[in-house]
Amino acid sequence: MESSAGQGCESTMSSGVNHQGMDVIQQQLALFGARLRDLRLQRGLTLQEVAVRSKLSRAFLSRLESGGRQASISAALTLAAVFGVSLATLFEFPAPEPVCAIVRSGEVVESSVNGLKYVPLSDARRFFNVQPMRVKVSPSRRGNEHYHHEGTEWLYVLRGKLTLSLVGKTYDLEEGDAAHFESRLPHRLMARGGREAEVLVVAAPNGGASNYSGINEHRSIPAGGCLYLPKGETTREVPAFTKRDNRREK
């Protein structure tokens, strides 16, 4: 049985806390548990020795270190005294590393598909709900096939002349022009003037950076092609649906 110091150590959380809030709480619990474990190991103590000194059960301390329990103020003060540190020290966590994906111009690999040449400009889909790419549209692009996929798409014409075909309407764009549209609507890019058009494209799937259902989608650029591959790298793990059905394209 846990002592009175350990009773009530697991606080009741409001049912109104959303999933994101729960994730943050779990992360904080894991960091707090790791901090306790580091302090214990630095002092060469076993869980049983800390249990004897704190009068908290070994099982309870083990769950604290694993992030499975929340510590009450009473338990936290007791452990701070056992380790000889301030209460604030127990909650000192390393600052998170900033997320910054760098893509060097000399390292990118250009790929070709469906009359398009493209270069992914980031590989940070885990953190950001955007897929930036540089796309070149050939003036001799064949067919009139239109594509659709969940989310939104923004494009900016870097050079050349471009026509955006969207749900039966066409929009002629010049250098410096931009367009923003729902990519679930059938769309196609076409170069005008007999020369290649170069476009900066930023696609944003619905539902967050990890949402790649691929269901009822028809893509001009394969979903796996959205991954940035440095020169010399030819393989990269891609979403499972891309492996199961190569017809699901961007």
Protein backbone atom coordinates (compact mmCIF):
# COMPACT_ATOMS: atom_id res chain seq x y z
CA MET A 1 0.00 0.00 0.00
CA GLU A 2 1.18 3.53 -0.66
CA SER A 3 1.67 5.84 2.29
CA SER A 4 -0.47 8.90 2.88
CA ALA A 5 2.14 11.00 1.07
CA GLY A 6 1.46 8.97 -2.04
CA GLN A 7 -2.32 8.90 -1.72
CA GLY A 8 -4.14 11.09 -4.19
CA CYS A 9 -0.99 11.52 -6.22
CA GLU A 10 -2.95 10.91 -9.39
CA SER A 11 -5.00 14.04 -9.99
CA THR A 12 -8.38 14.02 -11.65
CA MET A 13 -8.35 15.68 -15.08
CA SER A 14 -11.37 17.43 -16.52
CA SER A 15 -13.28 15.51 -19.13
CA GLY A 16 -13.14 18.70 -21.22
CA VAL A 17 -9.40 18.34 -21.89
CA ASN A 18 -8.92 17.74 -25.61
CA HIS A 19 -6.63 15.16 -27.19
CA GLN A 20 -3.90 17.70 -27.83
CA GLY A 21 -3.99 18.75 -24.17
CA MET A 22 -3.75 15.10 -23.11
CA ASP A 23 -0.71 14.64 -25.34
CA VAL A 24 0.99 17.63 -23.70
CA ILE A 25 0.23 16.23 -20.24
CA GLN A 26 1.67 12.84 -21.18
CA GLN A 27 4.82 14.50 -22.50
CA GLN A 28 5.23 16.47 -19.27
CA LEU A 29 4.71 13.33 -17.20
CA ALA A 30 7.38 11.52 -19.19
CA LEU A 31 9.82 14.43 -18.77
CA PHE A 32 9.12 14.62 -15.03
CA GLY A 33 9.64 10.87 -14.68
CA ALA A 34 12.91 11.02 -16.60
CA ARG A 35 14.07 13.87 -14.35
CA LEU A 36 13.34 11.80 -11.23
CA ARG A 37 15.21 8.83 -12.63
CA ASP A 38 18.24 10.97 -13.55
CA LEU A 39 18.41 12.45 -10.04
CA ARG A 40 18.11 8.99 -8.48
CA LEU A 41 20.85 7.48 -10.66
CA GLN A 42 23.13 10.49 -10.13
CA ARG A 43 22.97 9.75 -6.43
CA GLY A 44 23.46 6.02 -6.87
CA LEU A 45 20.13 5.14 -5.27
CA THR A 46 17.82 2.24 -6.03
CA LEU A 47 14.06 2.59 -6.20
CA GLN A 48 13.79 0.66 -2.94
CA GLU A 49 16.20 3.04 -1.20
CA VAL A 50 14.20 6.06 -2.39
CA ALA A 51 11.02 4.32 -1.26
CA VAL A 52 12.41 3.86 2.26
CA ARG A 53 13.61 7.47 2.49
CA SER A 54 10.44 9.01 1.07
CA LYS A 55 7.94 6.55 2.61
CA LEU A 56 6.41 6.19 -0.89
CA SER A 57 5.96 2.72 -2.28
CA ARG A 58 8.48 1.32 -4.76
CA ALA A 59 5.67 0.54 -7.21
CA PHE A 60 4.42 4.13 -7.04
CA LEU A 61 7.92 5.53 -7.63
CA SER A 62 8.41 3.18 -10.56
CA ARG A 63 5.21 4.44 -12.15
CA LEU A 64 6.27 8.04 -11.56
CA GLU A 65 9.55 7.44 -13.37
CA SER A 66 7.80 5.74 -16.28
CA GLY A 67 5.32 8.60 -16.66
CA GLY A 68 2.37 6.45 -15.60
CA ARG A 69 1.41 8.56 -12.57
CA GLN A 70 1.11 12.22 -11.67
CA ALA A 71 2.79 13.40 -8.48
CA SER A 72 0.88 15.47 -5.96
CA ILE A 73 2.54 18.56 -4.47
CA SER A 74 3.10 16.56 -1.28
CA ALA A 75 4.91 13.76 -3.12
CA ALA A 76 6.96 16.21 -5.20
CA LEU A 77 8.07 18.11 -2.06
CA THR A 78 9.00 14.83 -0.39
CA LEU A 79 11.12 13.72 -3.37
CA ALA A 80 12.79 17.13 -3.64
CA ALA A 81 13.85 16.76 0.00
CA VAL A 82 15.12 13.20 -0.58
CA PHE A 83 17.25 14.30 -3.54
CA GLY A 84 18.32 17.53 -1.85
CA VAL A 85 17.08 19.82 -4.59
CA SER A 86 14.51 22.58 -4.87
CA LEU A 87 11.00 21.84 -6.08
CA ALA A 88 11.71 23.90 -9.22
CA THR A 89 14.69 21.65 -10.03
CA LEU A 90 12.36 18.66 -10.36
CA PHE A 91 10.60 20.47 -13.20
CA GLU A 92 13.66 21.68 -15.10
CA PHE A 93 13.35 20.19 -18.57
CA PRO A 94 15.71 20.70 -21.52
CA ALA A 95 14.45 23.22 -24.05
CA PRO A 96 13.10 21.49 -27.19
CA GLU A 97 15.21 21.68 -30.29
CA PRO A 98 13.70 24.05 -32.87
CA VAL A 99 12.24 22.34 -35.91
CA CYS A 100 14.05 23.63 -38.96
CA ALA A 101 14.31 21.59 -42.16
CA ILE A 102 17.11 22.85 -44.41
CA VAL A 103 17.15 21.88 -48.09
CA ARG A 104 20.35 22.88 -49.92
CA SER A 105 19.98 23.82 -53.58
CA GLY A 106 22.90 21.62 -54.60
CA GLU A 107 21.53 18.52 -52.86
CA VAL A 108 18.01 18.19 -54.24
CA VAL A 109 16.98 15.50 -56.70
CA GLU A 110 14.66 16.42 -59.55
CA SER A 111 12.12 13.78 -60.58
CA SER A 112 9.78 13.55 -63.57
CA VAL A 113 6.22 12.24 -63.83
CA ASN A 114 3.13 12.99 -65.93
CA GLY A 115 4.79 15.82 -67.84
CA LEU A 116 6.03 17.49 -64.65
CA LYS A 117 9.51 17.87 -63.17
CA TYR A 118 9.46 18.45 -59.43
CA VAL A 119 11.69 18.89 -56.41
CA PRO A 120 10.30 18.56 -52.84
CA LEU A 121 11.57 21.47 -50.75
CA SER A 122 11.03 20.03 -47.27
CA ASP A 123 10.82 16.75 -45.39
CA ALA A 124 9.16 18.05 -42.23
CA ARG A 125 5.67 16.63 -42.71
CA ARG A 126 5.74 15.26 -39.16
CA PHE A 127 5.81 18.83 -37.83
CA PHE A 128 4.17 20.98 -40.49
CA ASN A 129 0.97 20.58 -42.47
CA VAL A 130 2.54 21.76 -45.73
CA GLN A 131 4.29 20.16 -48.71
CA PRO A 132 6.34 22.77 -50.60
CA MET A 133 7.66 21.83 -54.04
CA ARG A 134 9.24 23.46 -57.07
CA VAL A 135 7.45 22.22 -60.18
CA LYS A 136 8.34 22.63 -63.85
CA VAL A 137 5.51 22.22 -66.34
CA SER A 138 6.50 21.10 -69.83
CA PRO A 139 4.88 22.95 -72.77
CA SER A 140 4.57 19.56 -74.50
CA ARG A 141 2.74 17.93 -71.59
CA ARG A 142 0.41 15.35 -73.08
CA GLY A 143 -3.24 14.65 -72.38
CA ASN A 144 -5.90 16.58 -70.55
CA GLU A 145 -6.11 14.53 -67.37
CA HIS A 146 -7.22 16.38 -64.24
CA TYR A 147 -6.16 15.42 -60.72
CA HIS A 148 -7.68 15.76 -57.26
CA HIS A 149 -6.68 15.11 -53.65
CA GLU A 150 -7.76 16.25 -50.21
CA GLY A 151 -6.64 19.62 -48.87
CA THR A 152 -5.72 22.95 -50.37
CA GLU A 153 -3.02 24.06 -52.77
CA TRP A 154 -1.25 27.37 -53.29
CA LEU A 155 0.98 28.10 -56.27
CA TYR A 156 3.17 30.97 -57.41
CA VAL A 157 4.53 31.36 -60.96
CA LEU A 158 8.31 31.85 -60.82
CA ARG A 159 8.84 32.04 -64.58
CA GLY A 160 6.98 31.40 -67.80
CA LYS A 161 3.25 31.44 -68.44
CA LEU A 162 0.86 29.02 -66.79
CA THR A 163 -2.77 28.08 -67.22
CA LEU A 164 -4.62 26.56 -64.29
CA SER A 165 -7.61 24.48 -65.30
CA LEU A 166 -10.02 24.12 -62.37
CA VAL A 167 -13.49 22.54 -62.57
CA GLY A 168 -14.10 23.53 -66.19
CA LYS A 169 -12.65 27.04 -65.86
CA THR A 170 -9.19 28.21 -66.95
CA TYR A 171 -7.06 30.88 -65.33
CA ASP A 172 -4.09 32.36 -67.21
CA LEU A 173 -1.24 33.23 -64.85
CA GLU A 174 1.92 35.22 -65.56
CA GLU A 175 5.21 35.47 -63.66
CA GLY A 176 4.50 36.74 -60.14
CA ASP A 177 0.86 35.62 -60.18
CA ALA A 178 -0.46 33.24 -57.51
CA ALA A 179 -3.49 30.99 -57.10
CA HIS A 180 -5.01 29.31 -54.04
CA PHE A 181 -7.68 26.61 -54.39
CA GLU A 182 -9.21 23.48 -52.92
CA SER A 183 -7.23 20.58 -54.35
CA ARG A 184 -10.16 18.17 -54.03
CA LEU A 185 -11.50 19.93 -57.14
CA PRO A 186 -10.23 18.50 -60.46
CA HIS A 187 -7.27 20.60 -61.59
CA ARG A 188 -4.43 20.59 -64.11
CA LEU A 189 -1.41 22.78 -64.82
CA MET A 190 -0.52 23.71 -68.41
CA ALA A 191 2.38 25.77 -69.75
CA ARG A 192 1.68 28.45 -72.36
CA GLY A 193 3.81 30.30 -74.88
CA GLY A 194 5.78 27.28 -76.05
CA ARG A 195 8.18 27.26 -73.11
CA GLU A 196 8.45 25.62 -69.72
CA ALA A 197 6.73 27.20 -66.73
CA GLU A 198 8.30 26.98 -63.28
CA VAL A 199 6.00 27.11 -60.28
CA LEU A 200 6.35 27.10 -56.51
CA VAL A 201 3.61 24.82 -55.11
CA VAL A 202 2.60 24.47 -51.47
CA ALA A 203 0.06 21.72 -50.77
CA ALA A 204 -1.65 21.31 -47.40
CA PRO A 205 -3.62 18.09 -46.76
CA ASN A 206 -6.68 18.22 -44.52
CA GLY A 207 -6.54 17.01 -40.93
CA GLY A 208 -2.86 17.65 -40.16
CA ALA A 209 0.54 16.74 -41.47
CA SER A 210 0.07 13.00 -41.00
CA ASN A 211 -3.18 12.70 -42.95
CA TYR A 212 -2.45 10.78 -46.16
CA SER A 213 -5.49 8.60 -46.65
CA GLY A 214 -5.07 8.32 -50.42
CA ILE A 215 -8.71 7.22 -50.65
CA ASN A 216 -10.49 8.40 -53.81
CA GLU A 217 -7.52 10.57 -54.75
CA HIS A 218 -5.84 10.91 -58.11
CA ARG A 219 -2.48 12.68 -57.95
CA SER A 220 -0.15 13.88 -60.68
CA ILE A 221 2.85 13.49 -58.33
CA PRO A 222 2.99 10.28 -56.23
CA ALA A 223 2.48 10.88 -52.51
CA GLY A 224 5.89 9.32 -51.83
CA GLY A 225 7.39 11.88 -54.19
CA CYS A 226 6.56 14.59 -51.67
CA LEU A 227 9.51 13.36 -49.59
CA TYR A 228 12.75 15.27 -50.01
CA LEU A 229 15.55 12.95 -51.14
CA PRO A 230 19.13 14.27 -51.10
CA LYS A 231 21.38 13.34 -54.02
CA GLY A 232 22.65 9.81 -53.76
CA GLU A 233 19.62 8.59 -51.79
CA THR A 234 17.25 6.50 -53.85
CA THR A 235 14.93 4.94 -51.27
CA ARG A 236 12.88 6.28 -48.44
CA GLU A 237 10.07 4.80 -46.36
CA VAL A 238 6.78 6.12 -47.73
CA PRO A 239 3.18 5.86 -46.45
CA ALA A 240 1.83 2.32 -46.61
CA PHE A 241 -1.02 3.18 -48.95
CA THR A 242 1.52 4.27 -51.61
CA LYS A 243 3.12 0.83 -51.47
CA ARG A 244 -0.19 -1.02 -51.60
CA ASP A 245 -1.67 0.91 -54.51
CA ASN A 246 0.56 2.78 -56.91
CA ARG A 247 -2.50 4.25 -58.58
CA ARG A 248 -2.98 6.61 -55.67
CA GLU A 249 -1.10 9.62 -56.95
CA LYS A 250 -0.85 13.26 -56.08
